[in-house]
PDB file of N, CA and C in Angstrom:
ATOM      1  N   MET A   1      10.065 -20.306  -4.817  1.00  0.00           N
ATOM      2  CA  MET A   1      10.335 -18.878  -4.835  1.00  0.00           C
ATOM      3  C   MET A   1      11.690 -18.666  -5.510  1.00  0.00           C
ATOM      4  N   ASN A   2      11.722 -17.730  -6.446  1.00  0.00           N
ATOM      5  CA  ASN A   2      12.988 -17.494  -7.136  1.00  0.00           C
ATOM      6  C   ASN A   2      13.962 -16.715  -6.245  1.00  0.00           C
ATOM      7  N   LYS A   3      15.190 -16.627  -6.705  1.00  0.00           N
ATOM      8  CA  LYS A   3      16.258 -16.033  -5.894  1.00  0.00           C
ATOM      9  C   LYS A   3      15.978 -14.562  -5.550  1.00  0.00           C
ATOM     10  N   LEU A   4      15.495 -13.799  -6.529  1.00  0.00           N
ATOM     11  CA  LEU A   4      15.204 -12.386  -6.290  1.00  0.00           C
ATOM     12  C   LEU A   4      14.070 -12.218  -5.284  1.00  0.00           C
ATOM     13  N   ALA A   5      13.036 -13.028  -5.419  1.00  0.00           N
ATOM     14  CA  ALA A   5      11.917 -12.961  -4.475  1.00  0.00           C
ATOM     15  C   ALA A   5      12.384 -13.337  -3.068  1.00  0.00           C
ATOM     16  N   ALA A   6      13.258 -14.320  -2.975  1.00  0.00           N
ATOM     17  CA  ALA A   6      13.785 -14.729  -1.668  1.00  0.00           C
ATOM     18  C   ALA A   6      14.605 -13.605  -1.042  1.00  0.00           C
ATOM     19  N   GLN A   7      15.369 -12.897  -1.868  1.00  0.00           N
ATOM     20  CA  GLN A   7      16.151 -11.769  -1.350  1.00  0.00           C
ATOM     21  C   GLN A   7      15.227 -10.657  -0.853  1.00  0.00           C
ATOM     22  N   ASP A   8      14.189 -10.358  -1.624  1.00  0.00           N
ATOM     23  CA  ASP A   8      13.238  -9.328  -1.207  1.00  0.00           C
ATOM     24  C   ASP A   8      12.530  -9.741   0.078  1.00  0.00           C
ATOM     25  N   ARG A   9      12.184 -11.006   0.171  1.00  0.00           N
ATOM     26  CA  ARG A   9      11.536 -11.540   1.375  1.00  0.00           C
ATOM     27  C   ARG A   9      12.432 -11.327   2.591  1.00  0.00           C
ATOM     28  N   ASP A  10      13.696 -11.663   2.449  1.00  0.00           N
ATOM     29  CA  ASP A  10      14.646 -11.498   3.553  1.00  0.00           C
ATOM     30  C   ASP A  10      14.823 -10.028   3.922  1.00  0.00           C
ATOM     31  N   ARG A  11      14.859  -9.165   2.925  1.00  0.00           N
ATOM     32  CA  ARG A  11      15.004  -7.728   3.188  1.00  0.00           C
ATOM     33  C   ARG A  11      13.787  -7.185   3.936  1.00  0.00           C
ATOM     34  N   ILE A  12      12.612  -7.655   3.564  1.00  0.00           N
ATOM     35  CA  ILE A  12      11.388  -7.221   4.249  1.00  0.00           C
ATOM     36  C   ILE A  12      11.417  -7.689   5.701  1.00  0.00           C
ATOM     37  N   LEU A  13      11.803  -8.919   5.922  1.00  0.00           N
ATOM     38  CA  LEU A  13      11.894  -9.422   7.300  1.00  0.00           C
ATOM     39  C   LEU A  13      12.904  -8.620   8.115  1.00  0.00           C
ATOM     40  N   GLN A  14      14.022  -8.246   7.501  1.00  0.00           N
ATOM     41  CA  GLN A  14      15.016  -7.430   8.208  1.00  0.00           C
ATOM     42  C   GLN A  14      14.421  -6.083   8.608  1.00  0.00           C
ATOM     43  N   CYS A  15      13.669  -5.476   7.708  1.00  0.00           N
ATOM     44  CA  CYS A  15      13.004  -4.202   8.027  1.00  0.00           C
ATOM     45  C   CYS A  15      12.084  -4.361   9.226  1.00  0.00           C
ATOM     46  N   LEU A  16      11.317  -5.430   9.214  1.00  0.00           N
ATOM     47  CA  LEU A  16      10.330  -5.619  10.270  1.00  0.00           C
ATOM     48  C   LEU A  16      10.960  -6.033  11.593  1.00  0.00           C
ATOM     49  N   HIS A  17      12.198  -6.486  11.563  1.00  0.00           N
ATOM     50  CA  HIS A  17      12.894  -6.780  12.823  1.00  0.00           C
ATOM     51  C   HIS A  17      13.261  -5.486  13.543  1.00  0.00           C
ATOM     52  N   THR A  18      13.377  -4.391  12.801  1.00  0.00           N
ATOM     53  CA  THR A  18      13.750  -3.125  13.432  1.00  0.00           C
ATOM     54  C   THR A  18      12.551  -2.428  14.058  1.00  0.00           C
ATOM     55  N   MET A  19      11.399  -2.489  13.372  1.00  0.00           N
ATOM     56  CA  MET A  19      10.195  -1.825  13.879  1.00  0.00           C
ATOM     57  C   MET A  19       8.992  -2.219  13.033  1.00  0.00           C
ATOM     58  N   PRO A  20       7.783  -2.104  13.579  1.00  0.00           N
ATOM     59  CA  PRO A  20       6.585  -2.352  12.773  1.00  0.00           C
ATOM     60  C   PRO A  20       6.485  -1.312  11.655  1.00  0.00           C
ATOM     61  N   MET A  21       6.017  -1.749  10.495  1.00  0.00           N
ATOM     62  CA  MET A  21       5.926  -0.854   9.343  1.00  0.00           C
ATOM     63  C   MET A  21       4.710  -1.193   8.494  1.00  0.00           C
ATOM     64  N   THR A  22       4.254  -0.205   7.754  1.00  0.00           N
ATOM     65  CA  THR A  22       3.203  -0.430   6.764  1.00  0.00           C
ATOM     66  C   THR A  22       3.854  -0.900   5.461  1.00  0.00           C
ATOM     67  N   VAL A  23       3.038  -1.399   4.562  1.00  0.00           N
ATOM     68  CA  VAL A  23       3.548  -1.807   3.249  1.00  0.00           C
ATOM     69  C   VAL A  23       4.197  -0.609   2.551  1.00  0.00           C
ATOM     70  N   ALA A  24       3.574   0.553   2.643  1.00  0.00           N
ATOM     71  CA  ALA A  24       4.125   1.752   1.997  1.00  0.00           C
ATOM     72  C   ALA A  24       5.491   2.121   2.578  1.00  0.00           C
ATOM     73  N   GLN A  25       5.640   2.010   3.886  1.00  0.00           N
ATOM     74  CA  GLN A  25       6.921   2.328   4.517  1.00  0.00           C
ATOM     75  C   GLN A  25       8.010   1.347   4.084  1.00  0.00           C
ATOM     76  N   ILE A  26       7.656   0.074   4.025  1.00  0.00           N
ATOM     77  CA  ILE A  26       8.619  -0.939   3.572  1.00  0.00           C
ATOM     78  C   ILE A  26       9.008  -0.655   2.122  1.00  0.00           C
ATOM     79  N   SER A  27       8.022  -0.346   1.297  1.00  0.00           N
ATOM     80  CA  SER A  27       8.271  -0.049  -0.121  1.00  0.00           C
ATOM     81  C   SER A  27       9.250   1.103  -0.276  1.00  0.00           C
ATOM     82  N   GLN A  28       9.031   2.155   0.489  1.00  0.00           N
ATOM     83  CA  GLN A  28       9.915   3.320   0.419  1.00  0.00           C
ATOM     84  C   GLN A  28      11.322   2.974   0.865  1.00  0.00           C
ATOM     85  N   GLN A  29      11.428   2.282   1.970  1.00  0.00           N
ATOM     86  CA  GLN A  29      12.745   1.981   2.519  1.00  0.00           C
ATOM     87  C   GLN A  29      13.547   1.064   1.601  1.00  0.00           C
ATOM     88  N   LEU A  30      12.880   0.100   0.984  1.00  0.00           N
ATOM     89  CA  LEU A  30      13.590  -0.887   0.170  1.00  0.00           C
ATOM     90  C   LEU A  30      13.573  -0.568  -1.323  1.00  0.00           C
ATOM     91  N   HIS A  31      12.901   0.507  -1.693  1.00  0.00           N
ATOM     92  CA  HIS A  31      12.796   0.904  -3.100  1.00  0.00           C
ATOM     93  C   HIS A  31      12.193  -0.216  -3.951  1.00  0.00           C
ATOM     94  N   LEU A  32      11.108  -0.784  -3.428  1.00  0.00           N
ATOM     95  CA  LEU A  32      10.346  -1.808  -4.138  1.00  0.00           C
ATOM     96  C   LEU A  32       8.940  -1.279  -4.371  1.00  0.00           C
ATOM     97  N   SER A  33       8.257  -1.816  -5.364  1.00  0.00           N
ATOM     98  CA  SER A  33       6.885  -1.374  -5.605  1.00  0.00           C
ATOM     99  C   SER A  33       5.982  -1.834  -4.462  1.00  0.00           C
ATOM    100  N   THR A  34       4.946  -1.064  -4.243  1.00  0.00           N
ATOM    101  CA  THR A  34       3.977  -1.414  -3.204  1.00  0.00           C
ATOM    102  C   THR A  34       3.332  -2.761  -3.512  1.00  0.00           C
ATOM    103  N   ALA A  35       3.055  -3.012  -4.780  1.00  0.00           N
ATOM    104  CA  ALA A  35       2.440  -4.286  -5.167  1.00  0.00           C
ATOM    105  C   ALA A  35       3.355  -5.465  -4.826  1.00  0.00           C
ATOM    106  N   ARG A  36       4.641  -5.309  -5.093  1.00  0.00           N
ATOM    107  CA  ARG A  36       5.595  -6.393  -4.796  1.00  0.00           C
ATOM    108  C   ARG A  36       5.662  -6.650  -3.292  1.00  0.00           C
ATOM    109  N   VAL A  37       5.793  -5.575  -2.523  1.00  0.00           N
ATOM    110  CA  VAL A  37       5.869  -5.717  -1.069  1.00  0.00           C
ATOM    111  C   VAL A  37       4.575  -6.326  -0.537  1.00  0.00           C
ATOM    112  N   SER A  38       3.454  -5.856  -1.026  1.00  0.00           N
ATOM    113  CA  SER A  38       2.168  -6.366  -0.565  1.00  0.00           C
ATOM    114  C   SER A  38       2.043  -7.869  -0.827  1.00  0.00           C
ATOM    115  N   GLY A  39       2.468  -8.298  -1.999  1.00  0.00           N
ATOM    116  CA  GLY A  39       2.418  -9.722  -2.322  1.00  0.00           C
ATOM    117  C   GLY A  39       3.292 -10.557  -1.407  1.00  0.00           C
ATOM    118  N   ILE A  40       4.494 -10.079  -1.154  1.00  0.00           N
ATOM    119  CA  ILE A  40       5.413 -10.815  -0.280  1.00  0.00           C
ATOM    120  C   ILE A  40       4.908 -10.798   1.157  1.00  0.00           C
ATOM    121  N   VAL A  41       4.348  -9.675   1.584  1.00  0.00           N
ATOM    122  CA  VAL A  41       3.788  -9.576   2.935  1.00  0.00           C
ATOM    123  C   VAL A  41       2.667 -10.610   3.119  1.00  0.00           C
ATOM    124  N   GLN A  42       1.840 -10.781   2.115  1.00  0.00           N
ATOM    125  CA  GLN A  42       0.761 -11.774   2.218  1.00  0.00           C
ATOM    126  C   GLN A  42       1.321 -13.192   2.339  1.00  0.00           C
ATOM    127  N   ILE A  43       2.399 -13.469   1.636  1.00  0.00           N
ATOM    128  CA  ILE A  43       3.051 -14.783   1.750  1.00  0.00           C
ATOM    129  C   ILE A  43       3.620 -14.966   3.155  1.00  0.00           C
ATOM    130  N   LEU A  44       4.310 -13.940   3.651  1.00  0.00           N
ATOM    131  CA  LEU A  44       4.893 -14.015   4.996  1.00  0.00           C
ATOM    132  C   LEU A  44       3.806 -14.193   6.055  1.00  0.00           C
ATOM    133  N   LYS A  45       2.680 -13.530   5.845  1.00  0.00           N
ATOM    134  CA  LYS A  45       1.548 -13.672   6.768  1.00  0.00           C
ATOM    135  C   LYS A  45       1.027 -15.110   6.740  1.00  0.00           C
ATOM    136  N   SER A  46       0.863 -15.658   5.547  1.00  0.00           N
ATOM    137  CA  SER A  46       0.333 -17.023   5.433  1.00  0.00           C
ATOM    138  C   SER A  46       1.295 -18.056   6.019  1.00  0.00           C
ATOM    139  N   GLU A  47       2.578 -17.730   6.036  1.00  0.00           N
ATOM    140  CA  GLU A  47       3.584 -18.617   6.627  1.00  0.00           C
ATOM    141  C   GLU A  47       3.696 -18.428   8.138  1.00  0.00           C
ATOM    142  N   GLY A  48       2.962 -17.456   8.679  1.00  0.00           N
ATOM    143  CA  GLY A  48       2.981 -17.214  10.117  1.00  0.00           C
ATOM    144  C   GLY A  48       4.213 -16.475  10.610  1.00  0.00           C
ATOM    145  N   LEU A  49       4.935 -15.832   9.700  1.00  0.00           N
ATOM    146  CA  LEU A  49       6.158 -15.131  10.091  1.00  0.00           C
ATOM    147  C   LEU A  49       5.898 -13.699  10.550  1.00  0.00           C
ATOM    148  N   ILE A  50       4.840 -13.092  10.033  1.00  0.00           N
ATOM    149  CA  ILE A  50       4.494 -11.725  10.423  1.00  0.00           C
ATOM    150  C   ILE A  50       2.999 -11.647  10.697  1.00  0.00           C
ATOM    151  N   HIS A  51       2.610 -10.587  11.374  1.00  0.00           N
ATOM    152  CA  HIS A  51       1.193 -10.330  11.616  1.00  0.00           C
ATOM    153  C   HIS A  51       0.993  -8.824  11.756  1.00  0.00           C
ATOM    154  N   ALA A  52      -0.261  -8.423  11.746  1.00  0.00           N
ATOM    155  CA  ALA A  52      -0.590  -6.997  11.845  1.00  0.00           C
ATOM    156  C   ALA A  52      -1.600  -6.799  12.972  1.00  0.00           C
ATOM    157  N   PRO A  53      -1.110  -6.746  14.206  1.00  0.00           N
ATOM    158  CA  PRO A  53      -2.029  -6.608  15.335  1.00  0.00           C
ATOM    159  C   PRO A  53      -2.596  -5.199  15.497  1.00  0.00           C
ATOM    160  N   ARG A  54      -1.996  -4.248  14.782  1.00  0.00           N
ATOM    161  CA  ARG A  54      -2.439  -2.857  14.909  1.00  0.00           C
ATOM    162  C   ARG A  54      -2.597  -2.226  13.536  1.00  0.00           C
ATOM    163  N   CYS A  55      -3.327  -1.146  13.529  1.00  0.00           N
ATOM    164  CA  CYS A  55      -3.479  -0.340  12.314  1.00  0.00           C
ATOM    165  C   CYS A  55      -3.007   1.071  12.617  1.00  0.00           C
ATOM    166  N   THR A  56      -2.695   1.780  11.575  1.00  0.00           N
ATOM    167  CA  THR A  56      -2.371   3.192  11.680  1.00  0.00           C
ATOM    168  C   THR A  56      -3.167   3.898  10.591  1.00  0.00           C
ATOM    169  N   THR A  57      -3.133   5.195  10.584  1.00  0.00           N
ATOM    170  CA  THR A  57      -3.853   5.946   9.564  1.00  0.00           C
ATOM    171  C   THR A  57      -2.923   6.221   8.398  1.00  0.00           C
ATOM    172  N   GLY A  58      -3.363   5.840   7.213  1.00  0.00           N
ATOM    173  CA  GLY A  58      -2.575   6.058   6.010  1.00  0.00           C
ATOM    174  C   GLY A  58      -2.691   7.489   5.521  1.00  0.00           C
ATOM    175  N   PRO A  59      -1.980   7.809   4.449  1.00  0.00           N
ATOM    176  CA  PRO A  59      -1.971   9.182   3.935  1.00  0.00           C
ATOM    177  C   PRO A  59      -3.342   9.670   3.470  1.00  0.00           C
ATOM    178  N   ARG A  60      -4.225   8.769   3.130  1.00  0.00           N
ATOM    179  CA  ARG A  60      -5.567   9.166   2.688  1.00  0.00           C
ATOM    180  C   ARG A  60      -6.580   9.118   3.820  1.00  0.00           C
ATOM    181  N   GLY A  61      -6.085   8.950   5.034  1.00  0.00           N
ATOM    182  CA  GLY A  61      -6.966   8.931   6.189  1.00  0.00           C
ATOM    183  C   GLY A  61      -7.627   7.593   6.460  1.00  0.00           C
ATOM    184  N   LYS A  62      -7.253   6.580   5.698  1.00  0.00           N
ATOM    185  CA  LYS A  62      -7.831   5.250   5.888  1.00  0.00           C
ATOM    186  C   LYS A  62      -6.897   4.396   6.744  1.00  0.00           C
ATOM    187  N   PRO A  63      -7.460   3.428   7.468  1.00  0.00           N
ATOM    188  CA  PRO A  63      -6.610   2.552   8.275  1.00  0.00           C
ATOM    189  C   PRO A  63      -5.769   1.623   7.394  1.00  0.00           C
ATOM    190  N   VAL A  64      -4.526   1.446   7.777  1.00  0.00           N
ATOM    191  CA  VAL A  64      -3.623   0.512   7.091  1.00  0.00           C
ATOM    192  C   VAL A  64      -2.948  -0.366   8.140  1.00  0.00           C
ATOM    193  N   ASN A  65      -2.660  -1.595   7.746  1.00  0.00           N
ATOM    194  CA  ASN A  65      -2.024  -2.534   8.670  1.00  0.00           C
ATOM    195  C   ASN A  65      -0.600  -2.117   8.994  1.00  0.00           C
ATOM    196  N   LEU A  66      -0.245  -2.308  10.234  1.00  0.00           N
ATOM    197  CA  LEU A  66       1.108  -2.079  10.708  1.00  0.00           C
ATOM    198  C   LEU A  66       1.706  -3.464  10.964  1.00  0.00           C
ATOM    199  N   TRP A  67       2.560  -3.908  10.054  1.00  0.00           N
ATOM    200  CA  TRP A  67       3.098  -5.268  10.084  1.00  0.00           C
ATOM    201  C   TRP A  67       4.298  -5.369  11.009  1.00  0.00           C
ATOM    202  N   GLU A  68       4.413  -6.515  11.660  1.00  0.00           N
ATOM    203  CA  GLU A  68       5.571  -6.773  12.512  1.00  0.00           C
ATOM    204  C   GLU A  68       5.863  -8.266  12.540  1.00  0.00           C
ATOM    205  N   ILE A  69       7.050  -8.592  13.000  1.00  0.00           N
ATOM    206  CA  ILE A  69       7.452  -9.993  13.146  1.00  0.00           C
ATOM    207  C   ILE A  69       6.529 -10.650  14.166  1.00  0.00           C
ATOM    208  N   HIS A  70       6.121 -11.864  13.875  1.00  0.00           N
ATOM    209  CA  HIS A  70       5.246 -12.584  14.807  1.00  0.00           C
ATOM    210  C   HIS A  70       5.957 -12.717  16.153  1.00  0.00           C
ATOM    211  N   PRO A  71       5.245 -12.490  17.260  1.00  0.00           N
ATOM    212  CA  PRO A  71       5.883 -12.516  18.588  1.00  0.00           C
ATOM    213  C   PRO A  71       6.653 -13.798  18.895  1.00  0.00           C
ATOM    214  N   SER A  72       6.194 -14.913  18.388  1.00  0.00           N
ATOM    215  CA  SER A  72       6.884 -16.175  18.677  1.00  0.00           C
ATOM    216  C   SER A  72       8.254 -16.254  18.001  1.00  0.00           C
ATOM    217  N   LEU A  73       8.513 -15.358  17.045  1.00  0.00           N
ATOM    218  CA  LEU A  73       9.789 -15.382  16.325  1.00  0.00           C
ATOM    219  C   LEU A  73      10.752 -14.290  16.772  1.00  0.00           C
ATOM    220  N   LYS A  74      10.279 -13.392  17.618  1.00  0.00           N
ATOM    221  CA  LYS A  74      11.149 -12.305  18.081  1.00  0.00           C
ATOM    222  C   LYS A  74      12.170 -12.846  19.058  1.00  0.00           C
ATOM    223  N   SER A  75      13.384 -12.334  18.934  1.00  0.00           N
ATOM    224  CA  SER A  75      14.418 -12.746  19.875  1.00  0.00           C
ATOM    225  C   SER A  75      14.242 -11.963  21.172  1.00  0.00           C
ATOM    226  N   PRO A  76      14.495 -12.603  22.300  1.00  0.00           N
ATOM    227  CA  PRO A  76      14.354 -11.905  23.581  1.00  0.00           C
ATOM    228  C   PRO A  76      15.342 -10.748  23.678  1.00  0.00           C
ATOM    229  N   GLU A  77      14.884  -9.673  24.271  1.00  0.00           N
ATOM    230  CA  GLU A  77      15.753  -8.485  24.400  1.00  0.00           C
ATOM    231  C   GLU A  77      16.442  -8.452  25.726  1.00  0.00           C
TER     232      GLU A  77
END
Protein backbone atom coordinates (compact mmCIF):
# COMPACT_ATOMS: atom_id res chain seq x y z
CA MET A 1 0.00 0.00 0.00
CA ASN A 2 1.43 3.37 -0.94
CA LYS A 3 1.87 6.20 1.54
CA LEU A 4 -1.23 8.14 0.43
CA ALA A 5 -3.43 5.05 0.59
CA ALA A 6 -2.08 4.28 4.07
CA GLN A 7 -2.91 7.81 5.20
CA ASP A 8 -6.44 7.53 3.82
CA ARG A 9 -6.81 4.14 5.51
CA ASP A 10 -5.78 5.62 8.85
CA ARG A 11 -8.14 8.58 8.41
CA ILE A 12 -11.04 6.23 7.67
CA LEU A 13 -10.27 4.18 10.77
CA GLN A 14 -10.18 7.38 12.85
CA CYS A 15 -13.62 8.33 11.53
CA LEU A 16 -15.01 4.95 12.41
CA HIS A 17 -13.59 5.13 15.93
CA THR A 18 -15.92 8.06 16.59
CA MET A 19 -19.13 6.48 15.27
CA PRO A 20 -20.49 4.03 12.69
CA MET A 21 -20.71 5.59 9.23
CA THR A 22 -21.69 4.80 5.68
CA VAL A 23 -19.22 5.07 2.82
CA ALA A 24 -20.97 8.27 1.70
CA GLN A 25 -20.64 9.81 5.16
CA ILE A 26 -16.94 8.94 5.34
CA SER A 27 -16.44 10.36 1.84
CA GLN A 28 -18.07 13.64 2.81
CA GLN A 29 -16.20 14.00 6.06
CA LEU A 30 -12.78 13.23 4.57
CA HIS A 31 -13.34 14.86 1.18
CA LEU A 32 -12.48 11.65 -0.65
CA SER A 33 -14.31 10.07 -3.56
CA THR A 34 -16.89 7.43 -2.75
CA ALA A 35 -15.03 4.97 -4.97
CA ARG A 36 -11.78 5.50 -3.05
CA VAL A 37 -13.46 5.11 0.33
CA SER A 38 -15.38 2.06 -0.86
CA GLY A 39 -12.18 0.39 -2.05
CA ILE A 40 -10.37 1.05 1.20
CA VAL A 41 -13.39 -0.08 3.23
CA GLN A 42 -13.36 -3.41 1.38
CA ILE A 43 -9.67 -3.84 2.23
CA LEU A 44 -10.31 -3.00 5.89
CA LYS A 45 -13.19 -5.48 5.92
CA SER A 46 -11.02 -8.23 4.43
CA GLU A 47 -8.38 -7.52 7.09
CA GLY A 48 -11.02 -7.93 9.81
CA LEU A 49 -10.61 -4.37 11.07
CA ILE A 50 -14.16 -3.20 10.36
CA HIS A 51 -17.56 -4.76 9.81
CA ALA A 52 -21.09 -3.69 8.96
CA PRO A 53 -23.50 -5.36 11.37
CA ARG A 54 -26.28 -2.91 10.53
CA CYS A 55 -27.75 -1.13 7.56
CA THR A 56 -29.39 2.24 7.24
CA THR A 57 -31.47 3.76 4.48
CA GLY A 58 -29.50 5.68 1.90
CA PRO A 59 -30.62 8.83 0.10
CA ARG A 60 -32.29 6.79 -2.64
CA GLY A 61 -34.23 4.71 -0.15
CA LYS A 62 -32.00 1.67 -0.54
CA PRO A 63 -30.21 -0.06 2.34
CA VAL A 64 -26.54 0.84 2.80
CA ASN A 65 -23.99 -0.66 5.15
CA LEU A 66 -23.19 1.16 8.35
CA TRP A 67 -19.50 0.45 8.94
CA GLU A 68 -17.83 0.36 12.33
CA ILE A 69 -14.64 -0.80 13.99
CA HIS A 70 -14.70 -4.53 14.65
CA PRO A 71 -15.75 -5.12 18.30
CA SER A 72 -12.56 -7.02 19.10
CA LEU A 73 -10.55 -3.88 18.28
CA LYS A 74 -12.58 -1.34 20.22
CA SER A 75 -10.98 0.02 23.33
CA PRO A 76 -12.97 -0.48 26.53
CA GLU A 77 -14.89 2.59 27.64
